[in-house]
Amino acid sequence: MLKKQYITYLLFSGVLLLLSGCQSSKTIYYWDGYQENLYNYNQPDKSSYSEQIVALEKSIEKAKSVNKPIPPGLHAHLGLLYTTQGNNNKAMEQFELEKTLFPESKNFIEFVERKYRGR
């Protein structure tokens, strides 16, 4: 009888452990297709830079509506997209936002800003 209870306990513990591993983790950031957009930046034939700008701007608005932060690099990416359109003022705004939200990126973003500031 004790052996049967022991086996039942082990079986129940195993199932519980297995099911707890299936729980989905909650993300900190609101990604909303950002990874796909980043991929498309390197594959310009998939979508135009204008379409990517619109998609990222929508992602930022959606993130605000669900009160979640945007992922690191999104504002920098949006800034780079603005430079392809010749809109350096908006690009610089996005770079500043990136530095404010993610101070660890400051040195890199300042390097990028120097490249596009004179254009």
PDB file of N, CA and C in Angstrom:
ATOM      1  N   MET A   1       0.820  -1.195   0.000  1.00  0.00           N
ATOM      2  CA  MET A   1       0.000   0.000   0.000  1.00  0.00           C
ATOM      3  C   MET A   1       0.864   1.259   0.000  1.00  0.00           C
ATOM      4  N   LEU A   2       1.915   1.251   0.797  1.00  0.00           N
ATOM      5  CA  LEU A   2       2.813   2.397   0.878  1.00  0.00           C
ATOM      6  C   LEU A   2       3.531   2.616  -0.447  1.00  0.00           C
ATOM      7  N   LYS A   3       3.863   1.508  -1.116  1.00  0.00           N
ATOM      8  CA  LYS A   3       4.548   1.600  -2.398  1.00  0.00           C
ATOM      9  C   LYS A   3       3.637   2.253  -3.450  1.00  0.00           C
ATOM     10  N   LYS A   4       2.349   1.926  -3.412  1.00  0.00           N
ATOM     11  CA  LYS A   4       1.392   2.494  -4.352  1.00  0.00           C
ATOM     12  C   LYS A   4       1.254   4.006  -4.130  1.00  0.00           C
ATOM     13  N   GLN A   5       1.211   4.449  -2.884  1.00  0.00           N
ATOM     14  CA  GLN A   5       1.122   5.876  -2.572  1.00  0.00           C
ATOM     15  C   GLN A   5       2.389   6.606  -3.033  1.00  0.00           C
ATOM     16  N   TYR A   6       3.515   5.961  -2.845  1.00  0.00           N
ATOM     17  CA  TYR A   6       4.791   6.547  -3.246  1.00  0.00           C
ATOM     18  C   TYR A   6       4.839   6.735  -4.764  1.00  0.00           C
ATOM     19  N   ILE A   7       4.391   5.735  -5.500  1.00  0.00           N
ATOM     20  CA  ILE A   7       4.368   5.820  -6.963  1.00  0.00           C
ATOM     21  C   ILE A   7       3.387   6.905  -7.413  1.00  0.00           C
ATOM     22  N   THR A   8       2.222   6.978  -6.778  1.00  0.00           N
ATOM     23  CA  THR A   8       1.237   8.008  -7.098  1.00  0.00           C
ATOM     24  C   THR A   8       1.811   9.400  -6.835  1.00  0.00           C
ATOM     25  N   TYR A   9       2.504   9.545  -5.712  1.00  0.00           N
ATOM     26  CA  TYR A   9       3.121  10.824  -5.362  1.00  0.00           C
ATOM     27  C   TYR A   9       4.172  11.215  -6.400  1.00  0.00           C
ATOM     28  N   LEU A  10       5.006  10.279  -6.807  1.00  0.00           N
ATOM     29  CA  LEU A  10       6.032  10.557  -7.811  1.00  0.00           C
ATOM     30  C   LEU A  10       5.407  10.922  -9.158  1.00  0.00           C
ATOM     31  N   LEU A  11       4.374  10.198  -9.535  1.00  0.00           N
ATOM     32  CA  LEU A  11       3.693  10.470 -10.793  1.00  0.00           C
ATOM     33  C   LEU A  11       3.059  11.865 -10.776  1.00  0.00           C
ATOM     34  N   PHE A  12       2.385  12.189  -9.686  1.00  0.00           N
ATOM     35  CA  PHE A  12       1.760  13.506  -9.544  1.00  0.00           C
ATOM     36  C   PHE A  12       2.817  14.611  -9.570  1.00  0.00           C
ATOM     37  N   SER A  13       3.914  14.407  -8.880  1.00  0.00           N
ATOM     38  CA  SER A  13       5.007  15.395  -8.858  1.00  0.00           C
ATOM     39  C   SER A  13       5.597  15.586 -10.250  1.00  0.00           C
ATOM     40  N   GLY A  14       5.759  14.496 -10.977  1.00  0.00           N
ATOM     41  CA  GLY A  14       6.302  14.574 -12.329  1.00  0.00           C
ATOM     42  C   GLY A  14       5.394  15.348 -13.264  1.00  0.00           C
ATOM     43  N   VAL A  15       4.094  15.086 -13.189  1.00  0.00           N
ATOM     44  CA  VAL A  15       3.129  15.796 -14.028  1.00  0.00           C
ATOM     45  C   VAL A  15       3.120  17.284 -13.668  1.00  0.00           C
ATOM     46  N   LEU A  16       3.144  17.575 -12.381  1.00  0.00           N
ATOM     47  CA  LEU A  16       3.158  18.963 -11.931  1.00  0.00           C
ATOM     48  C   LEU A  16       4.408  19.688 -12.417  1.00  0.00           C
ATOM     49  N   LEU A  17       5.535  19.035 -12.331  1.00  0.00           N
ATOM     50  CA  LEU A  17       6.790  19.616 -12.798  1.00  0.00           C
ATOM     51  C   LEU A  17       6.751  19.838 -14.307  1.00  0.00           C
ATOM     52  N   LEU A  18       6.224  18.890 -15.034  1.00  0.00           N
ATOM     53  CA  LEU A  18       6.121  18.999 -16.483  1.00  0.00           C
ATOM     54  C   LEU A  18       5.218  20.161 -16.886  1.00  0.00           C
ATOM     55  N   LEU A  19       4.081  20.292 -16.230  1.00  0.00           N
ATOM     56  CA  LEU A  19       3.148  21.364 -16.566  1.00  0.00           C
ATOM     57  C   LEU A  19       3.675  22.737 -16.169  1.00  0.00           C
ATOM     58  N   SER A  20       4.431  22.805 -15.105  1.00  0.00           N
ATOM     59  CA  SER A  20       4.975  24.110 -14.707  1.00  0.00           C
ATOM     60  C   SER A  20       6.019  24.592 -15.709  1.00  0.00           C
ATOM     61  N   GLY A  21       6.645  23.692 -16.423  1.00  0.00           N
ATOM     62  CA  GLY A  21       7.606  24.069 -17.452  1.00  0.00           C
ATOM     63  C   GLY A  21       6.935  24.595 -18.707  1.00  0.00           C
ATOM     64  N   CYS A  22       5.640  24.378 -18.852  1.00  0.00           N
ATOM     65  CA  CYS A  22       4.911  24.829 -20.034  1.00  0.00           C
ATOM     66  C   CYS A  22       4.376  26.248 -19.897  1.00  0.00           C
ATOM     67  N   GLN A  23       4.501  26.826 -18.724  1.00  0.00           N
ATOM     68  CA  GLN A  23       3.990  28.173 -18.513  1.00  0.00           C
ATOM     69  C   GLN A  23       4.760  29.161 -19.376  1.00  0.00           C
ATOM     70  N   SER A  24       4.025  30.021 -20.059  1.00  0.00           N
ATOM     71  CA  SER A  24       4.697  31.011 -20.903  1.00  0.00           C
ATOM     72  C   SER A  24       5.210  32.153 -20.034  1.00  0.00           C
ATOM     73  N   SER A  25       6.367  32.637 -20.399  1.00  0.00           N
ATOM     74  CA  SER A  25       6.941  33.732 -19.622  1.00  0.00           C
ATOM     75  C   SER A  25       6.415  35.063 -20.151  1.00  0.00           C
ATOM     76  N   LYS A  26       6.233  36.002 -19.258  1.00  0.00           N
ATOM     77  CA  LYS A  26       5.768  37.326 -19.655  1.00  0.00           C
ATOM     78  C   LYS A  26       6.982  38.165 -20.014  1.00  0.00           C
ATOM     79  N   THR A  27       6.864  38.903 -21.090  1.00  0.00           N
ATOM     80  CA  THR A  27       7.982  39.733 -21.521  1.00  0.00           C
ATOM     81  C   THR A  27       7.880  41.112 -20.881  1.00  0.00           C
ATOM     82  N   ILE A  28       9.021  41.720 -20.704  1.00  0.00           N
ATOM     83  CA  ILE A  28       9.065  43.060 -20.130  1.00  0.00           C
ATOM     84  C   ILE A  28       8.621  44.084 -21.166  1.00  0.00           C
ATOM     85  N   TYR A  29       9.095  43.909 -22.380  1.00  0.00           N
ATOM     86  CA  TYR A  29       8.884  44.901 -23.429  1.00  0.00           C
ATOM     87  C   TYR A  29       7.738  44.513 -24.357  1.00  0.00           C
ATOM     88  N   TYR A  30       7.203  45.508 -25.044  1.00  0.00           N
ATOM     89  CA  TYR A  30       6.165  45.299 -26.038  1.00  0.00           C
ATOM     90  C   TYR A  30       6.843  45.179 -27.403  1.00  0.00           C
ATOM     91  N   TRP A  31       6.995  43.961 -27.886  1.00  0.00           N
ATOM     92  CA  TRP A  31       7.769  43.713 -29.109  1.00  0.00           C
ATOM     93  C   TRP A  31       6.963  43.978 -30.373  1.00  0.00           C
ATOM     94  N   ASP A  32       5.734  43.537 -30.466  1.00  0.00           N
ATOM     95  CA  ASP A  32       4.807  43.796 -31.574  1.00  0.00           C
ATOM     96  C   ASP A  32       5.455  43.829 -32.960  1.00  0.00           C
ATOM     97  N   GLY A  33       6.089  42.772 -33.350  1.00  0.00           N
ATOM     98  CA  GLY A  33       6.629  42.689 -34.701  1.00  0.00           C
ATOM     99  C   GLY A  33       7.924  43.442 -34.922  1.00  0.00           C
ATOM    100  N   TYR A  34       8.541  43.942 -33.846  1.00  0.00           N
ATOM    101  CA  TYR A  34       9.790  44.696 -34.004  1.00  0.00           C
ATOM    102  C   TYR A  34      10.887  43.830 -34.613  1.00  0.00           C
ATOM    103  N   GLN A  35      10.937  42.568 -34.208  1.00  0.00           N
ATOM    104  CA  GLN A  35      11.981  41.688 -34.747  1.00  0.00           C
ATOM    105  C   GLN A  35      11.821  41.498 -36.251  1.00  0.00           C
ATOM    106  N   GLU A  36      10.590  41.352 -36.699  1.00  0.00           N
ATOM    107  CA  GLU A  36      10.334  41.211 -38.139  1.00  0.00           C
ATOM    108  C   GLU A  36      10.720  42.496 -38.871  1.00  0.00           C
ATOM    109  N   ASN A  37      10.406  43.624 -38.259  1.00  0.00           N
ATOM    110  CA  ASN A  37      10.753  44.905 -38.867  1.00  0.00           C
ATOM    111  C   ASN A  37      12.262  45.072 -38.955  1.00  0.00           C
ATOM    112  N   LEU A  38      12.965  44.639 -37.939  1.00  0.00           N
ATOM    113  CA  LEU A  38      14.426  44.706 -37.943  1.00  0.00           C
ATOM    114  C   LEU A  38      14.998  43.829 -39.055  1.00  0.00           C
ATOM    115  N   TYR A  39      14.403  42.668 -39.237  1.00  0.00           N
ATOM    116  CA  TYR A  39      14.821  41.777 -40.322  1.00  0.00           C
ATOM    117  C   TYR A  39      14.571  42.440 -41.681  1.00  0.00           C
ATOM    118  N   ASN A  40      13.408  43.070 -41.823  1.00  0.00           N
ATOM    119  CA  ASN A  40      13.064  43.723 -43.091  1.00  0.00           C
ATOM    120  C   ASN A  40      13.994  44.881 -43.420  1.00  0.00           C
ATOM    121  N   TYR A  41      14.567  45.506 -42.402  1.00  0.00           N
ATOM    122  CA  TYR A  41      15.513  46.604 -42.636  1.00  0.00           C
ATOM    123  C   TYR A  41      16.708  46.096 -43.440  1.00  0.00           C
ATOM    124  N   ASN A  42      17.098  44.871 -43.176  1.00  0.00           N
ATOM    125  CA  ASN A  42      18.224  44.270 -43.892  1.00  0.00           C
ATOM    126  C   ASN A  42      17.800  43.566 -45.174  1.00  0.00           C
ATOM    127  N   GLN A  43      16.507  43.516 -45.426  1.00  0.00           N
ATOM    128  CA  GLN A  43      15.948  42.919 -46.641  1.00  0.00           C
ATOM    129  C   GLN A  43      15.012  43.948 -47.278  1.00  0.00           C
ATOM    130  N   PRO A  44      15.545  45.044 -47.829  1.00  0.00           N
ATOM    131  CA  PRO A  44      14.691  46.141 -48.291  1.00  0.00           C
ATOM    132  C   PRO A  44      13.658  45.754 -49.339  1.00  0.00           C
ATOM    133  N   ASP A  45      13.859  44.649 -50.018  1.00  0.00           N
ATOM    134  CA  ASP A  45      12.872  44.238 -51.015  1.00  0.00           C
ATOM    135  C   ASP A  45      11.600  43.700 -50.359  1.00  0.00           C
ATOM    136  N   LYS A  46      11.647  43.375 -49.059  1.00  0.00           N
ATOM    137  CA  LYS A  46      10.465  42.839 -48.366  1.00  0.00           C
ATOM    138  C   LYS A  46       9.458  43.950 -48.044  1.00  0.00           C
ATOM    139  N   SER A  47       9.938  45.100 -47.595  1.00  0.00           N
ATOM    140  CA  SER A  47       9.060  46.242 -47.340  1.00  0.00           C
ATOM    141  C   SER A  47       9.885  47.521 -47.428  1.00  0.00           C
ATOM    142  N   SER A  48       9.213  48.598 -47.801  1.00  0.00           N
ATOM    143  CA  SER A  48       9.928  49.867 -47.976  1.00  0.00           C
ATOM    144  C   SER A  48      10.250  50.472 -46.615  1.00  0.00           C
ATOM    145  N   TYR A  49      11.192  51.406 -46.622  1.00  0.00           N
ATOM    146  CA  TYR A  49      11.550  52.087 -45.383  1.00  0.00           C
ATOM    147  C   TYR A  49      10.357  52.868 -44.836  1.00  0.00           C
ATOM    148  N   SER A  50       9.549  53.423 -45.722  1.00  0.00           N
ATOM    149  CA  SER A  50       8.354  54.164 -45.285  1.00  0.00           C
ATOM    150  C   SER A  50       7.383  53.250 -44.549  1.00  0.00           C
ATOM    151  N   GLU A  51       7.196  52.050 -45.077  1.00  0.00           N
ATOM    152  CA  GLU A  51       6.316  51.079 -44.417  1.00  0.00           C
ATOM    153  C   GLU A  51       6.872  50.681 -43.058  1.00  0.00           C
ATOM    154  N   GLN A  52       8.184  50.553 -42.976  1.00  0.00           N
ATOM    155  CA  GLN A  52       8.806  50.189 -41.703  1.00  0.00           C
ATOM    156  C   GLN A  52       8.643  51.307 -40.674  1.00  0.00           C
ATOM    157  N   ILE A  53       8.759  52.556 -41.122  1.00  0.00           N
ATOM    158  CA  ILE A  53       8.560  53.697 -40.220  1.00  0.00           C
ATOM    159  C   ILE A  53       7.144  53.674 -39.654  1.00  0.00           C
ATOM    160  N   VAL A  54       6.169  53.482 -40.524  1.00  0.00           N
ATOM    161  CA  VAL A  54       4.772  53.436 -40.089  1.00  0.00           C
ATOM    162  C   VAL A  54       4.564  52.299 -39.091  1.00  0.00           C
ATOM    163  N   ALA A  55       5.136  51.139 -39.377  1.00  0.00           N
ATOM    164  CA  ALA A  55       4.976  49.986 -38.488  1.00  0.00           C
ATOM    165  C   ALA A  55       5.588  50.261 -37.113  1.00  0.00           C
ATOM    166  N   LEU A  56       6.764  50.867 -37.080  1.00  0.00           N
ATOM    167  CA  LEU A  56       7.400  51.158 -35.791  1.00  0.00           C
ATOM    168  C   LEU A  56       6.640  52.231 -35.018  1.00  0.00           C
ATOM    169  N   GLU A  57       6.139  53.234 -35.713  1.00  0.00           N
ATOM    170  CA  GLU A  57       5.347  54.267 -35.038  1.00  0.00           C
ATOM    171  C   GLU A  57       4.074  53.667 -34.443  1.00  0.00           C
ATOM    172  N   LYS A  58       3.455  52.739 -35.168  1.00  0.00           N
ATOM    173  CA  LYS A  58       2.267  52.053 -34.639  1.00  0.00           C
ATOM    174  C   LYS A  58       2.635  51.216 -33.420  1.00  0.00           C
ATOM    175  N   SER A  59       3.785  50.563 -33.463  1.00  0.00           N
ATOM    176  CA  SER A  59       4.233  49.762 -32.321  1.00  0.00           C
ATOM    177  C   SER A  59       4.411  50.623 -31.081  1.00  0.00           C
ATOM    178  N   ILE A  60       4.969  51.805 -31.265  1.00  0.00           N
ATOM    179  CA  ILE A  60       5.166  52.714 -30.134  1.00  0.00           C
ATOM    180  C   ILE A  60       3.818  53.124 -29.545  1.00  0.00           C
ATOM    181  N   GLU A  61       2.857  53.430 -30.409  1.00  0.00           N
ATOM    182  CA  GLU A  61       1.522  53.814 -29.933  1.00  0.00           C
ATOM    183  C   GLU A  61       0.838  52.653 -29.211  1.00  0.00           C
ATOM    184  N   LYS A  62       0.953  51.450 -29.762  1.00  0.00           N
ATOM    185  CA  LYS A  62       0.346  50.283 -29.116  1.00  0.00           C
ATOM    186  C   LYS A  62       0.983  50.026 -27.757  1.00  0.00           C
ATOM    187  N   ALA A  63       2.296  50.184 -27.673  1.00  0.00           N
ATOM    188  CA  ALA A  63       2.997  49.978 -26.400  1.00  0.00           C
ATOM    189  C   ALA A  63       2.493  50.965 -25.352  1.00  0.00           C
ATOM    190  N   LYS A  64       2.283  52.206 -25.771  1.00  0.00           N
ATOM    191  CA  LYS A  64       1.747  53.207 -24.844  1.00  0.00           C
ATOM    192  C   LYS A  64       0.345  52.824 -24.394  1.00  0.00           C
ATOM    193  N   SER A  65      -0.465  52.305 -25.317  1.00  0.00           N
ATOM    194  CA  SER A  65      -1.850  51.971 -24.980  1.00  0.00           C
ATOM    195  C   SER A  65      -1.950  50.803 -24.005  1.00  0.00           C
ATOM    196  N   VAL A  66      -0.982  49.887 -24.034  1.00  0.00           N
ATOM    197  CA  VAL A  66      -1.000  48.764 -23.088  1.00  0.00           C
ATOM    198  C   VAL A  66      -0.043  48.999 -21.923  1.00  0.00           C
ATOM    199  N   ASN A  67       0.527  50.200 -21.883  1.00  0.00           N
ATOM    200  CA  ASN A  67       1.395  50.616 -20.782  1.00  0.00           C
ATOM    201  C   ASN A  67       2.598  49.691 -20.575  1.00  0.00           C
ATOM    202  N   LYS A  68       3.237  49.345 -21.692  1.00  0.00           N
ATOM    203  CA  LYS A  68       4.457  48.534 -21.636  1.00  0.00           C
ATOM    204  C   LYS A  68       5.576  49.289 -22.334  1.00  0.00           C
ATOM    205  N   PRO A  69       6.801  49.125 -21.856  1.00  0.00           N
ATOM    206  CA  PRO A  69       7.920  49.815 -22.510  1.00  0.00           C
ATOM    207  C   PRO A  69       8.279  49.167 -23.839  1.00  0.00           C
ATOM    208  N   ILE A  70       8.838  49.976 -24.712  1.00  0.00           N
ATOM    209  CA  ILE A  70       9.295  49.447 -25.996  1.00  0.00           C
ATOM    210  C   ILE A  70      10.670  48.816 -25.815  1.00  0.00           C
ATOM    211  N   PRO A  71      11.055  47.914 -26.699  1.00  0.00           N
ATOM    212  CA  PRO A  71      12.347  47.235 -26.528  1.00  0.00           C
ATOM    213  C   PRO A  71      13.532  48.142 -26.847  1.00  0.00           C
ATOM    214  N   PRO A  72      14.680  47.820 -26.284  1.00  0.00           N
ATOM    215  CA  PRO A  72      15.883  48.596 -26.592  1.00  0.00           C
ATOM    216  C   PRO A  72      16.180  48.554 -28.085  1.00  0.00           C
ATOM    217  N   GLY A  73      16.570  49.683 -28.617  1.00  0.00           N
ATOM    218  CA  GLY A  73      16.949  49.752 -30.020  1.00  0.00           C
ATOM    219  C   GLY A  73      15.853  50.214 -30.951  1.00  0.00           C
ATOM    220  N   LEU A  74      14.611  50.187 -30.506  1.00  0.00           N
ATOM    221  CA  LEU A  74      13.520  50.550 -31.409  1.00  0.00           C
ATOM    222  C   LEU A  74      13.617  52.015 -31.827  1.00  0.00           C
ATOM    223  N   HIS A  75      13.860  52.911 -30.882  1.00  0.00           N
ATOM    224  CA  HIS A  75      13.977  54.329 -31.249  1.00  0.00           C
ATOM    225  C   HIS A  75      15.206  54.565 -32.123  1.00  0.00           C
ATOM    226  N   ALA A  76      16.293  53.864 -31.850  1.00  0.00           N
ATOM    227  CA  ALA A  76      17.494  53.999 -32.683  1.00  0.00           C
ATOM    228  C   ALA A  76      17.208  53.510 -34.100  1.00  0.00           C
ATOM    229  N   HIS A  77      16.518  52.396 -34.193  1.00  0.00           N
ATOM    230  CA  HIS A  77      16.150  51.853 -35.504  1.00  0.00           C
ATOM    231  C   HIS A  77      15.260  52.838 -36.255  1.00  0.00           C
ATOM    232  N   LEU A  78      14.285  53.388 -35.548  1.00  0.00           N
ATOM    233  CA  LEU A  78      13.393  54.363 -36.173  1.00  0.00           C
ATOM    234  C   LEU A  78      14.186  55.587 -36.630  1.00  0.00           C
ATOM    235  N   GLY A  79      15.153  56.002 -35.833  1.00  0.00           N
ATOM    236  CA  GLY A  79      16.009  57.117 -36.232  1.00  0.00           C
ATOM    237  C   GLY A  79      16.777  56.816 -37.504  1.00  0.00           C
ATOM    238  N   LEU A  80      17.314  55.617 -37.600  1.00  0.00           N
ATOM    239  CA  LEU A  80      18.033  55.231 -38.822  1.00  0.00           C
ATOM    240  C   LEU A  80      17.102  55.225 -40.031  1.00  0.00           C
ATOM    241  N   LEU A  81      15.879  54.776 -39.825  1.00  0.00           N
ATOM    242  CA  LEU A  81      14.911  54.791 -40.925  1.00  0.00           C
ATOM    243  C   LEU A  81      14.593  56.223 -41.352  1.00  0.00           C
ATOM    244  N   TYR A  82      14.477  57.125 -40.394  1.00  0.00           N
ATOM    245  CA  TYR A  82      14.233  58.531 -40.738  1.00  0.00           C
ATOM    246  C   TYR A  82      15.385  59.106 -41.557  1.00  0.00           C
ATOM    247  N   THR A  83      16.614  58.683 -41.282  1.00  0.00           N
ATOM    248  CA  THR A  83      17.745  59.196 -42.074  1.00  0.00           C
ATOM    249  C   THR A  83      17.647  58.748 -43.526  1.00  0.00           C
ATOM    250  N   THR A  84      17.069  57.573 -43.774  1.00  0.00           N
ATOM    251  CA  THR A  84      16.923  57.115 -45.162  1.00  0.00           C
ATOM    252  C   THR A  84      15.928  57.981 -45.921  1.00  0.00           C
ATOM    253  N   GLN A  85      15.042  58.657 -45.176  1.00  0.00           N
ATOM    254  CA  GLN A  85      14.049  59.543 -45.785  1.00  0.00           C
ATOM    255  C   GLN A  85      14.536  60.996 -45.820  1.00  0.00           C
ATOM    256  N   GLY A  86      15.738  61.225 -45.294  1.00  0.00           N
ATOM    257  CA  GLY A  86      16.277  62.577 -45.256  1.00  0.00           C
ATOM    258  C   GLY A  86      15.721  63.438 -44.136  1.00  0.00           C
ATOM    259  N   ASN A  87      15.034  62.816 -43.184  1.00  0.00           N
ATOM    260  CA  ASN A  87      14.427  63.554 -42.076  1.00  0.00           C
ATOM    261  C   ASN A  87      15.334  63.464 -40.846  1.00  0.00           C
ATOM    262  N   ASN A  88      16.439  64.210 -40.892  1.00  0.00           N
ATOM    263  CA  ASN A  88      17.428  64.118 -39.818  1.00  0.00           C
ATOM    264  C   ASN A  88      16.949  64.708 -38.500  1.00  0.00           C
ATOM    265  N   ASN A  89      16.035  65.682 -38.537  1.00  0.00           N
ATOM    266  CA  ASN A  89      15.514  66.237 -37.283  1.00  0.00           C
ATOM    267  C   ASN A  89      14.762  65.180 -36.486  1.00  0.00           C
ATOM    268  N   LYS A  90      13.884  64.449 -37.164  1.00  0.00           N
ATOM    269  CA  LYS A  90      13.158  63.377 -36.483  1.00  0.00           C
ATOM    270  C   LYS A  90      14.112  62.267 -36.055  1.00  0.00           C
ATOM    271  N   ALA A  91      15.118  62.012 -36.862  1.00  0.00           N
ATOM    272  CA  ALA A  91      16.105  60.987 -36.514  1.00  0.00           C
ATOM    273  C   ALA A  91      16.807  61.358 -35.219  1.00  0.00           C
ATOM    274  N   MET A  92      17.219  62.610 -35.093  1.00  0.00           N
ATOM    275  CA  MET A  92      17.917  63.057 -33.881  1.00  0.00           C
ATOM    276  C   MET A  92      17.004  62.972 -32.662  1.00  0.00           C
ATOM    277  N   GLU A  93      15.712  63.265 -32.848  1.00  0.00           N
ATOM    278  CA  GLU A  93      14.744  63.120 -31.750  1.00  0.00           C
ATOM    279  C   GLU A  93      14.688  61.672 -31.278  1.00  0.00           C
ATOM    280  N   GLN A  94      14.655  60.745 -32.230  1.00  0.00           N
ATOM    281  CA  GLN A  94      14.593  59.325 -31.878  1.00  0.00           C
ATOM    282  C   GLN A  94      15.877  58.865 -31.190  1.00  0.00           C
ATOM    283  N   PHE A  95      17.007  59.359 -31.661  1.00  0.00           N
ATOM    284  CA  PHE A  95      18.275  59.001 -31.027  1.00  0.00           C
ATOM    285  C   PHE A  95      18.316  59.516 -29.587  1.00  0.00           C
ATOM    286  N   GLU A  96      17.804  60.719 -29.364  1.00  0.00           N
ATOM    287  CA  GLU A  96      17.771  61.274 -28.005  1.00  0.00           C
ATOM    288  C   GLU A  96      16.861  60.439 -27.104  1.00  0.00           C
ATOM    289  N   LEU A  97      15.718  60.021 -27.641  1.00  0.00           N
ATOM    290  CA  LEU A  97      14.815  59.155 -26.871  1.00  0.00           C
ATOM    291  C   LEU A  97      15.501  57.842 -26.499  1.00  0.00           C
ATOM    292  N   GLU A  98      16.230  57.281 -27.440  1.00  0.00           N
ATOM    293  CA  GLU A  98      16.943  56.024 -27.179  1.00  0.00           C
ATOM    294  C   GLU A  98      17.945  56.209 -26.040  1.00  0.00           C
ATOM    295  N   LYS A  99      18.687  57.314 -26.078  1.00  0.00           N
ATOM    296  CA  LYS A  99      19.675  57.573 -25.023  1.00  0.00           C
ATOM    297  C   LYS A  99      19.001  57.794 -23.670  1.00  0.00           C
ATOM    298  N   THR A 100      17.844  58.439 -23.678  1.00  0.00           N
ATOM    299  CA  THR A 100      17.122  58.695 -22.432  1.00  0.00           C
ATOM    300  C   THR A 100      16.574  57.401 -21.838  1.00  0.00           C
ATOM    301  N   LEU A 101      15.957  56.589 -22.677  1.00  0.00           N
ATOM    302  CA  LEU A 101      15.339  55.347 -22.193  1.00  0.00           C
ATOM    303  C   LEU A 101      16.365  54.270 -21.858  1.00  0.00           C
ATOM    304  N   PHE A 102      17.460  54.244 -22.596  1.00  0.00           N
ATOM    305  CA  PHE A 102      18.479  53.209 -22.416  1.00  0.00           C
ATOM    306  C   PHE A 102      19.857  53.869 -22.340  1.00  0.00           C
ATOM    307  N   PRO A 103      20.205  54.426 -21.178  1.00  0.00           N
ATOM    308  CA  PRO A 103      21.462  55.172 -21.037  1.00  0.00           C
ATOM    309  C   PRO A 103      22.708  54.363 -21.387  1.00  0.00           C
ATOM    310  N   GLU A 104      22.626  53.057 -21.288  1.00  0.00           N
ATOM    311  CA  GLU A 104      23.789  52.227 -21.622  1.00  0.00           C
ATOM    312  C   GLU A 104      24.133  52.287 -23.111  1.00  0.00           C
ATOM    313  N   SER A 105      23.208  52.772 -23.916  1.00  0.00           N
ATOM    314  CA  SER A 105      23.458  52.875 -25.358  1.00  0.00           C
ATOM    315  C   SER A 105      24.006  54.247 -25.759  1.00  0.00           C
ATOM    316  N   LYS A 106      24.217  55.114 -24.786  1.00  0.00           N
ATOM    317  CA  LYS A 106      24.588  56.507 -25.066  1.00  0.00           C
ATOM    318  C   LYS A 106      25.810  56.633 -25.974  1.00  0.00           C
ATOM    319  N   ASN A 107      26.888  55.926 -25.670  1.00  0.00           N
ATOM    320  CA  ASN A 107      28.111  56.054 -26.475  1.00  0.00           C
ATOM    321  C   ASN A 107      27.882  55.642 -27.923  1.00  0.00           C
ATOM    322  N   PHE A 108      27.191  54.551 -28.116  1.00  0.00           N
ATOM    323  CA  PHE A 108      26.927  54.095 -29.480  1.00  0.00           C
ATOM    324  C   PHE A 108      26.026  55.076 -30.222  1.00  0.00           C
ATOM    325  N   ILE A 109      24.978  55.531 -29.561  1.00  0.00           N
ATOM    326  CA  ILE A 109      24.038  56.445 -30.213  1.00  0.00           C
ATOM    327  C   ILE A 109      24.730  57.763 -30.558  1.00  0.00           C
ATOM    328  N   GLU A 110      25.607  58.237 -29.692  1.00  0.00           N
ATOM    329  CA  GLU A 110      26.344  59.465 -30.009  1.00  0.00           C
ATOM    330  C   GLU A 110      27.252  59.261 -31.220  1.00  0.00           C
ATOM    331  N   PHE A 111      27.816  58.079 -31.353  1.00  0.00           N
ATOM    332  CA  PHE A 111      28.611  57.745 -32.538  1.00  0.00           C
ATOM    333  C   PHE A 111      27.736  57.819 -33.796  1.00  0.00           C
ATOM    334  N   VAL A 112      26.545  57.249 -33.717  1.00  0.00           N
ATOM    335  CA  VAL A 112      25.615  57.267 -34.853  1.00  0.00           C
ATOM    336  C   VAL A 112      25.177  58.700 -35.150  1.00  0.00           C
ATOM    337  N   GLU A 113      24.899  59.472 -34.111  1.00  0.00           N
ATOM    338  CA  GLU A 113      24.481  60.867 -34.313  1.00  0.00           C
ATOM    339  C   GLU A 113      25.550  61.672 -35.051  1.00  0.00           C
ATOM    340  N   ARG A 114      26.799  61.482 -34.681  1.00  0.00           N
ATOM    341  CA  ARG A 114      27.880  62.216 -35.355  1.00  0.00           C
ATOM    342  C   ARG A 114      27.908  61.899 -36.847  1.00  0.00           C
ATOM    343  N   LYS A 115      27.596  60.666 -37.181  1.00  0.00           N
ATOM    344  CA  LYS A 115      27.601  60.262 -38.585  1.00  0.00           C
ATOM    345  C   LYS A 115      26.512  60.988 -39.381  1.00  0.00           C
ATOM    346  N   TYR A 116      25.351  61.178 -38.774  1.00  0.00           N
ATOM    347  CA  TYR A 116      24.210  61.741 -39.501  1.00  0.00           C
ATOM    348  C   TYR A 116      23.959  63.215 -39.223  1.00  0.00           C
ATOM    349  N   ARG A 117      24.642  63.799 -38.275  1.00  0.00           N
ATOM    350  CA  ARG A 117      24.385  65.190 -37.904  1.00  0.00           C
ATOM    351  C   ARG A 117      24.666  66.158 -39.046  1.00  0.00           C
ATOM    352  N   GLY A 118      25.714  65.936 -39.798  1.00  0.00           N
ATOM    353  CA  GLY A 118      26.096  66.867 -40.857  1.00  0.00           C
ATOM    354  C   GLY A 118      25.274  66.770 -42.126  1.00  0.00           C
ATOM    355  N   ARG A 119      24.418  65.799 -42.228  1.00  0.00           N
ATOM    356  CA  ARG A 119      23.650  65.597 -43.472  1.00  0.00           C
ATOM    357  C   ARG A 119      22.492  66.539 -43.596  1.00  0.00           C
TER     358      ARG A 119
END
